[in-house]
């Protein structure tokens, strides 16, 4: 069952977008009124991302492929609202595996569901929101919750990311719900964003899975 939104541009994001030119464009001050080029502005942003060299080069290459007009539009949009330039895409469908291996699912009662959602820029992954849900179930109903965990992996920049989780069973449907709370202070500006990450199963059947703003 495919219940997710792909390549959704959401108005909340992780640290790398927050670093995008948050204060007066977030670029180095030009000397004697000299205008700062798009490339210099973007390189200033990339230097703060704390990504590896391969990702840094890939991001710069994608930016350079844009026309000058689109580069400026990107930088202006980021300056006006740094929470608007990321894309969130399911890294894969939520997967469910049974204790002892997927082949023994019919005989097993313990299951582990995993659900990663990538944070992308220009189609390049810079981090991943992760959710893991462990539960016991019959084919038609969840009978016991064992674990509900959420975390973020990848570049965080100056973001502080705190993930809290809850789990419950209602009408045979088991749910793992995670809230990712993100905040930071950068050049005197405070920013925050929250993401709600959730998976629900009726027995061994997925009923919903998503990551959205809250």
C-alpha atoms as a PDB file:
ATOM      1  CA  UNK A   1       0.000   0.000   0.000  1.00  0.00           C
ATOM      2  CA  UNK A   2       1.537   3.300  -1.104  1.00  0.00           C
ATOM      3  CA  UNK A   3       0.383   6.015   1.231  1.00  0.00           C
ATOM      4  CA  UNK A   4       3.162   8.591   1.082  1.00  0.00           C
ATOM      5  CA  UNK A   5       3.803  11.863  -0.663  1.00  0.00           C
ATOM      6  CA  UNK A   6       6.840  11.911  -2.935  1.00  0.00           C
ATOM      7  CA  UNK A   7       9.076  14.888  -3.548  1.00  0.00           C
ATOM      8  CA  UNK A   8       6.939  17.129  -1.378  1.00  0.00           C
ATOM      9  CA  UNK A   9       8.199  20.630  -0.872  1.00  0.00           C
ATOM     10  CA  UNK A  10       7.302  21.431   2.724  1.00  0.00           C
ATOM     11  CA  UNK A  11       7.688  24.597   4.656  1.00  0.00           C
ATOM     12  CA  UNK A  12       9.742  23.147   7.449  1.00  0.00           C
ATOM     13  CA  UNK A  13      13.185  21.672   7.265  1.00  0.00           C
ATOM     14  CA  UNK A  14      16.388  20.702   8.941  1.00  0.00           C
ATOM     15  CA  UNK A  15      19.489  22.723   9.698  1.00  0.00           C
ATOM     16  CA  UNK A  16      20.920  23.094   6.272  1.00  0.00           C
ATOM     17  CA  UNK A  17      18.009  25.195   5.040  1.00  0.00           C
ATOM     18  CA  UNK A  18      18.107  27.237   8.171  1.00  0.00           C
ATOM     19  CA  UNK A  19      21.666  28.106   7.316  1.00  0.00           C
ATOM     20  CA  UNK A  20      20.590  29.433   3.968  1.00  0.00           C
ATOM     21  CA  UNK A  21      21.296  33.087   4.139  1.00  0.00           C
ATOM     22  CA  UNK A  22      19.195  33.714   7.236  1.00  0.00           C
ATOM     23  CA  UNK A  23      20.644  37.066   8.141  1.00  0.00           C
ATOM     24  CA  UNK A  24      20.807  39.716   5.429  1.00  0.00           C
ATOM     25  CA  UNK A  25      21.201  36.941   2.930  1.00  0.00           C
ATOM     26  CA  UNK A  26      23.684  35.127   5.139  1.00  0.00           C
ATOM     27  CA  UNK A  27      26.559  35.956   2.774  1.00  0.00           C
ATOM     28  CA  UNK A  28      29.864  37.676   3.469  1.00  0.00           C
ATOM     29  CA  UNK A  29      29.676  41.433   3.453  1.00  0.00           C
ATOM     30  CA  UNK A  30      30.819  42.893   0.172  1.00  0.00           C
ATOM     31  CA  UNK A  31      33.773  45.230   0.324  1.00  0.00           C
ATOM     32  CA  UNK A  32      33.128  48.899  -0.433  1.00  0.00           C
ATOM     33  CA  UNK A  33      29.612  48.173  -1.634  1.00  0.00           C
ATOM     34  CA  UNK A  34      30.749  45.604  -4.174  1.00  0.00           C
ATOM     35  CA  UNK A  35      27.862  43.203  -4.945  1.00  0.00           C
ATOM     36  CA  UNK A  36      28.255  39.590  -3.891  1.00  0.00           C
ATOM     37  CA  UNK A  37      27.992  37.101  -6.727  1.00  0.00           C
ATOM     38  CA  UNK A  38      25.511  34.250  -6.670  1.00  0.00           C
ATOM     39  CA  UNK A  39      28.387  31.797  -6.561  1.00  0.00           C
ATOM     40  CA  UNK A  40      30.011  33.469  -3.558  1.00  0.00           C
ATOM     41  CA  UNK A  41      26.664  33.594  -1.736  1.00  0.00           C
ATOM     42  CA  UNK A  42      26.024  29.925  -2.366  1.00  0.00           C
ATOM     43  CA  UNK A  43      29.568  28.915  -1.435  1.00  0.00           C
ATOM     44  CA  UNK A  44      29.149  30.796   1.838  1.00  0.00           C
ATOM     45  CA  UNK A  45      26.025  28.769   2.530  1.00  0.00           C
ATOM     46  CA  UNK A  46      27.633  25.469   1.550  1.00  0.00           C
ATOM     47  CA  UNK A  47      30.607  26.110   3.822  1.00  0.00           C
ATOM     48  CA  UNK A  48      28.214  26.064   6.789  1.00  0.00           C
ATOM     49  CA  UNK A  49      26.462  22.829   5.858  1.00  0.00           C
ATOM     50  CA  UNK A  50      29.051  20.533   7.421  1.00  0.00           C
ATOM     51  CA  UNK A  51      28.524  17.998   4.649  1.00  0.00           C
ATOM     52  CA  UNK A  52      31.286  15.867   3.221  1.00  0.00           C
ATOM     53  CA  UNK A  53      33.296  17.053   0.238  1.00  0.00           C
ATOM     54  CA  UNK A  54      31.411  14.848  -2.206  1.00  0.00           C
ATOM     55  CA  UNK A  55      28.044  16.296  -1.171  1.00  0.00           C
ATOM     56  CA  UNK A  56      29.475  19.812  -1.144  1.00  0.00           C
ATOM     57  CA  UNK A  57      30.705  19.425  -4.719  1.00  0.00           C
ATOM     58  CA  UNK A  58      27.409  17.865  -5.862  1.00  0.00           C
ATOM     59  CA  UNK A  59      25.363  20.731  -4.403  1.00  0.00           C
ATOM     60  CA  UNK A  60      27.618  23.328  -6.019  1.00  0.00           C
ATOM     61  CA  UNK A  61      27.363  21.562  -9.364  1.00  0.00           C
ATOM     62  CA  UNK A  62      23.560  21.541  -9.223  1.00  0.00           C
ATOM     63  CA  UNK A  63      23.484  25.229  -8.276  1.00  0.00           C
ATOM     64  CA  UNK A  64      25.801  26.129 -11.151  1.00  0.00           C
ATOM     65  CA  UNK A  65      23.479  24.346 -13.578  1.00  0.00           C
ATOM     66  CA  UNK A  66      20.768  26.891 -12.793  1.00  0.00           C
ATOM     67  CA  UNK A  67      20.413  30.045 -14.838  1.00  0.00           C
ATOM     68  CA  UNK A  68      21.542  33.254 -13.186  1.00  0.00           C
ATOM     69  CA  UNK A  69      17.918  34.284 -12.754  1.00  0.00           C
ATOM     70  CA  UNK A  70      17.024  30.992 -11.053  1.00  0.00           C
ATOM     71  CA  UNK A  71      20.109  31.200  -8.849  1.00  0.00           C
ATOM     72  CA  UNK A  72      19.098  34.640  -7.629  1.00  0.00           C
ATOM     73  CA  UNK A  73      15.504  33.491  -7.151  1.00  0.00           C
ATOM     74  CA  UNK A  74      16.726  30.573  -5.041  1.00  0.00           C
ATOM     75  CA  UNK A  75      18.914  32.826  -2.885  1.00  0.00           C
ATOM     76  CA  UNK A  76      16.159  35.440  -2.505  1.00  0.00           C
ATOM     77  CA  UNK A  77      13.611  32.791  -1.513  1.00  0.00           C
ATOM     78  CA  UNK A  78      15.999  31.362   1.057  1.00  0.00           C
ATOM     79  CA  UNK A  79      16.714  34.817   2.457  1.00  0.00           C
ATOM     80  CA  UNK A  80      12.997  35.587   2.770  1.00  0.00           C
ATOM     81  CA  UNK A  81      12.072  32.207   4.221  1.00  0.00           C
ATOM     82  CA  UNK A  82      14.842  29.653   4.824  1.00  0.00           C
ATOM     83  CA  UNK A  83      12.201  27.023   5.622  1.00  0.00           C
ATOM     84  CA  UNK A  84      10.911  26.860   2.064  1.00  0.00           C
ATOM     85  CA  UNK A  85      13.672  25.417  -0.088  1.00  0.00           C
ATOM     86  CA  UNK A  86      13.913  21.762   0.918  1.00  0.00           C
ATOM     87  CA  UNK A  87      12.199  18.725  -0.540  1.00  0.00           C
ATOM     88  CA  UNK A  88      11.150  15.731   1.540  1.00  0.00           C
ATOM     89  CA  UNK A  89      10.880  12.386  -0.173  1.00  0.00           C
ATOM     90  CA  UNK A  90      10.304   8.875   1.082  1.00  0.00           C
ATOM     91  CA  UNK A  91      13.633   7.080   0.950  1.00  0.00           C
ATOM     92  CA  UNK A  92      11.661   3.858   0.525  1.00  0.00           C
ATOM     93  CA  UNK A  93       8.271   2.409   1.292  1.00  0.00           C
ATOM     94  CA  UNK A  94       7.824   1.543   4.959  1.00  0.00           C
ATOM     95  CA  UNK A  95       9.160  -1.987   5.308  1.00  0.00           C
ATOM     96  CA  UNK A  96       7.925  -4.705   7.647  1.00  0.00           C
ATOM     97  CA  UNK A  97      10.020  -7.681   8.668  1.00  0.00           C
ATOM     98  CA  UNK A  98       9.196 -10.543  11.013  1.00  0.00           C
ATOM     99  CA  UNK A  99      11.399 -11.900  13.757  1.00  0.00           C
ATOM    100  CA  UNK A 100      13.446 -14.653  12.194  1.00  0.00           C
ATOM    101  CA  UNK A 101      13.171 -13.238   8.684  1.00  0.00           C
ATOM    102  CA  UNK A 102      10.513 -12.113   6.289  1.00  0.00           C
ATOM    103  CA  UNK A 103       9.854 -15.663   5.068  1.00  0.00           C
ATOM    104  CA  UNK A 104       8.625 -16.734   8.499  1.00  0.00           C
ATOM    105  CA  UNK A 105       6.134 -13.877   8.834  1.00  0.00           C
ATOM    106  CA  UNK A 106       3.087 -16.169   8.893  1.00  0.00           C
ATOM    107  CA  UNK A 107       4.433 -18.031  11.938  1.00  0.00           C
ATOM    108  CA  UNK A 108       5.960 -15.039  13.726  1.00  0.00           C
ATOM    109  CA  UNK A 109       4.211 -12.615  16.052  1.00  0.00           C
ATOM    110  CA  UNK A 110       6.897  -9.943  16.408  1.00  0.00           C
ATOM    111  CA  UNK A 111       7.456  -7.405  13.628  1.00  0.00           C
ATOM    112  CA  UNK A 112       9.754  -4.463  12.965  1.00  0.00           C
ATOM    113  CA  UNK A 113       8.629  -1.628  10.698  1.00  0.00           C
ATOM    114  CA  UNK A 114      11.075   1.000   9.440  1.00  0.00           C
ATOM    115  CA  UNK A 115      10.298   4.216   7.594  1.00  0.00           C
ATOM    116  CA  UNK A 116      12.998   6.653   6.379  1.00  0.00           C
ATOM    117  CA  UNK A 117      12.177  10.023   4.797  1.00  0.00           C
ATOM    118  CA  UNK A 118      14.988  11.963   3.114  1.00  0.00           C
ATOM    119  CA  UNK A 119      15.616  15.692   3.264  1.00  0.00           C
ATOM    120  CA  UNK A 120      16.880  16.732  -0.166  1.00  0.00           C
ATOM    121  CA  UNK A 121      18.229  19.803  -1.884  1.00  0.00           C
ATOM    122  CA  UNK A 122      18.464  19.781  -5.678  1.00  0.00           C
ATOM    123  CA  UNK A 123      17.629  16.072  -5.424  1.00  0.00           C
ATOM    124  CA  UNK A 124      20.696  15.407  -3.248  1.00  0.00           C
ATOM    125  CA  UNK A 125      20.096  13.811   0.150  1.00  0.00           C
ATOM    126  CA  UNK A 126      21.546  15.755   3.064  1.00  0.00           C
ATOM    127  CA  UNK A 127      19.823  13.934   5.927  1.00  0.00           C
ATOM    128  CA  UNK A 128      17.116  11.434   6.825  1.00  0.00           C
ATOM    129  CA  UNK A 129      14.272  11.316   9.312  1.00  0.00           C
ATOM    130  CA  UNK A 130      13.988   7.757  10.616  1.00  0.00           C
ATOM    131  CA  UNK A 131      11.221   5.861  12.399  1.00  0.00           C
ATOM    132  CA  UNK A 132      11.354   2.320  13.811  1.00  0.00           C
ATOM    133  CA  UNK A 133       8.256   0.563  15.167  1.00  0.00           C
ATOM    134  CA  UNK A 134       8.419  -2.870  16.830  1.00  0.00           C
ATOM    135  CA  UNK A 135       5.204  -4.648  17.767  1.00  0.00           C
ATOM    136  CA  UNK A 136       3.467  -8.000  18.188  1.00  0.00           C
ATOM    137  CA  UNK A 137       0.512  -8.843  15.980  1.00  0.00           C
ATOM    138  CA  UNK A 138      -1.739 -11.422  14.446  1.00  0.00           C
ATOM    139  CA  UNK A 139      -2.387 -11.049  10.708  1.00  0.00           C
ATOM    140  CA  UNK A 140      -5.406  -8.856  11.473  1.00  0.00           C
ATOM    141  CA  UNK A 141      -4.585  -6.933  14.674  1.00  0.00           C
ATOM    142  CA  UNK A 142      -1.695  -5.416  16.602  1.00  0.00           C
ATOM    143  CA  UNK A 143      -1.716  -6.925  20.079  1.00  0.00           C
ATOM    144  CA  UNK A 144       1.263  -5.295  21.797  1.00  0.00           C
ATOM    145  CA  UNK A 145       3.612  -2.363  21.224  1.00  0.00           C
ATOM    146  CA  UNK A 146       7.286  -3.012  21.985  1.00  0.00           C
ATOM    147  CA  UNK A 147       9.234  -0.040  20.620  1.00  0.00           C
ATOM    148  CA  UNK A 148       8.643   3.295  18.909  1.00  0.00           C
ATOM    149  CA  UNK A 149      11.791   5.261  18.094  1.00  0.00           C
ATOM    150  CA  UNK A 150      12.560   8.263  15.896  1.00  0.00           C
ATOM    151  CA  UNK A 151      15.808  10.022  15.057  1.00  0.00           C
ATOM    152  CA  UNK A 152      17.512  12.179  12.449  1.00  0.00           C
ATOM    153  CA  UNK A 153      20.689  11.148  10.682  1.00  0.00           C
ATOM    154  CA  UNK A 154      22.840  13.325   8.459  1.00  0.00           C
ATOM    155  CA  UNK A 155      23.879  16.955   8.449  1.00  0.00           C
ATOM    156  CA  UNK A 156      22.410  19.017  11.258  1.00  0.00           C
ATOM    157  CA  UNK A 157      24.383  22.229  11.022  1.00  0.00           C
ATOM    158  CA  UNK A 158      23.496  24.455  13.971  1.00  0.00           C
ATOM    159  CA  UNK A 159      20.086  22.846  14.449  1.00  0.00           C
ATOM    160  CA  UNK A 160      19.194  21.251  17.744  1.00  0.00           C
ATOM    161  CA  UNK A 161      16.965  18.272  16.887  1.00  0.00           C
ATOM    162  CA  UNK A 162      15.003  16.499  19.604  1.00  0.00           C
ATOM    163  CA  UNK A 163      12.731  13.566  18.761  1.00  0.00           C
ATOM    164  CA  UNK A 164      10.003  12.323  21.096  1.00  0.00           C
ATOM    165  CA  UNK A 165       7.730   9.344  20.482  1.00  0.00           C
ATOM    166  CA  UNK A 166       4.441   7.819  21.563  1.00  0.00           C
ATOM    167  CA  UNK A 167       2.675   4.568  20.727  1.00  0.00           C
ATOM    168  CA  UNK A 168      -0.833   3.239  21.142  1.00  0.00           C
ATOM    169  CA  UNK A 169      -3.278   0.571  19.972  1.00  0.00           C
ATOM    170  CA  UNK A 170      -6.882   1.291  19.045  1.00  0.00           C
ATOM    171  CA  UNK A 171      -9.288  -1.130  17.400  1.00  0.00           C
ATOM    172  CA  UNK A 172      -6.485  -3.514  16.478  1.00  0.00           C
ATOM    173  CA  UNK A 173      -4.503  -0.713  14.797  1.00  0.00           C
ATOM    174  CA  UNK A 174      -1.089  -0.030  16.296  1.00  0.00           C
ATOM    175  CA  UNK A 175       0.487   3.391  15.830  1.00  0.00           C
ATOM    176  CA  UNK A 176       3.992   4.748  16.335  1.00  0.00           C
ATOM    177  CA  UNK A 177       4.085   8.550  16.341  1.00  0.00           C
ATOM    178  CA  UNK A 178       7.271  10.649  16.486  1.00  0.00           C
ATOM    179  CA  UNK A 179       7.644  14.425  16.729  1.00  0.00           C
ATOM    180  CA  UNK A 180      10.949  15.884  15.547  1.00  0.00           C
ATOM    181  CA  UNK A 181      11.435  19.295  17.210  1.00  0.00           C
ATOM    182  CA  UNK A 182      14.075  21.456  15.581  1.00  0.00           C
ATOM    183  CA  UNK A 183      15.379  24.824  16.719  1.00  0.00           C
ATOM    184  CA  UNK A 184      18.422  27.016  16.301  1.00  0.00           C
ATOM    185  CA  UNK A 185      19.809  30.513  16.817  1.00  0.00           C
ATOM    186  CA  UNK A 186      21.841  31.865  13.917  1.00  0.00           C
ATOM    187  CA  UNK A 187      23.224  35.384  13.621  1.00  0.00           C
ATOM    188  CA  UNK A 188      20.690  36.664  16.108  1.00  0.00           C
ATOM    189  CA  UNK A 189      17.686  35.062  14.404  1.00  0.00           C
ATOM    190  CA  UNK A 190      15.718  32.259  16.077  1.00  0.00           C
ATOM    191  CA  UNK A 191      14.067  29.615  13.899  1.00  0.00           C
ATOM    192  CA  UNK A 192      12.082  26.513  14.703  1.00  0.00           C
ATOM    193  CA  UNK A 193      10.215  23.764  12.880  1.00  0.00           C
ATOM    194  CA  UNK A 194       8.433  20.579  13.917  1.00  0.00           C
ATOM    195  CA  UNK A 195       7.816  17.422  11.910  1.00  0.00           C
ATOM    196  CA  UNK A 196       5.287  14.719  12.752  1.00  0.00           C
ATOM    197  CA  UNK A 197       6.381  11.243  11.599  1.00  0.00           C
ATOM    198  CA  UNK A 198       3.940   8.329  11.877  1.00  0.00           C
ATOM    199  CA  UNK A 199       3.269   4.701  10.969  1.00  0.00           C
ATOM    200  CA  UNK A 200       0.116   2.673  11.659  1.00  0.00           C
ATOM    201  CA  UNK A 201      -0.582  -1.034  11.086  1.00  0.00           C
ATOM    202  CA  UNK A 202      -3.715  -3.132  11.358  1.00  0.00           C
ATOM    203  CA  UNK A 203      -2.055  -6.443  12.137  1.00  0.00           C
ATOM    204  CA  UNK A 204       0.525  -6.779   9.387  1.00  0.00           C
ATOM    205  CA  UNK A 205      -1.226  -4.405   6.970  1.00  0.00           C
ATOM    206  CA  UNK A 206       0.003  -0.821   6.658  1.00  0.00           C
ATOM    207  CA  UNK A 207      -2.798   1.701   7.117  1.00  0.00           C
ATOM    208  CA  UNK A 208      -0.844   4.961   6.953  1.00  0.00           C
ATOM    209  CA  UNK A 209       2.630   6.430   6.924  1.00  0.00           C
ATOM    210  CA  UNK A 210       3.675  10.059   6.569  1.00  0.00           C
ATOM    211  CA  UNK A 211       5.899  12.956   7.593  1.00  0.00           C
ATOM    212  CA  UNK A 212       4.200  16.345   7.808  1.00  0.00           C
ATOM    213  CA  UNK A 213       4.389  19.752   9.435  1.00  0.00           C
ATOM    214  CA  UNK A 214       2.914  20.307  12.877  1.00  0.00           C
END
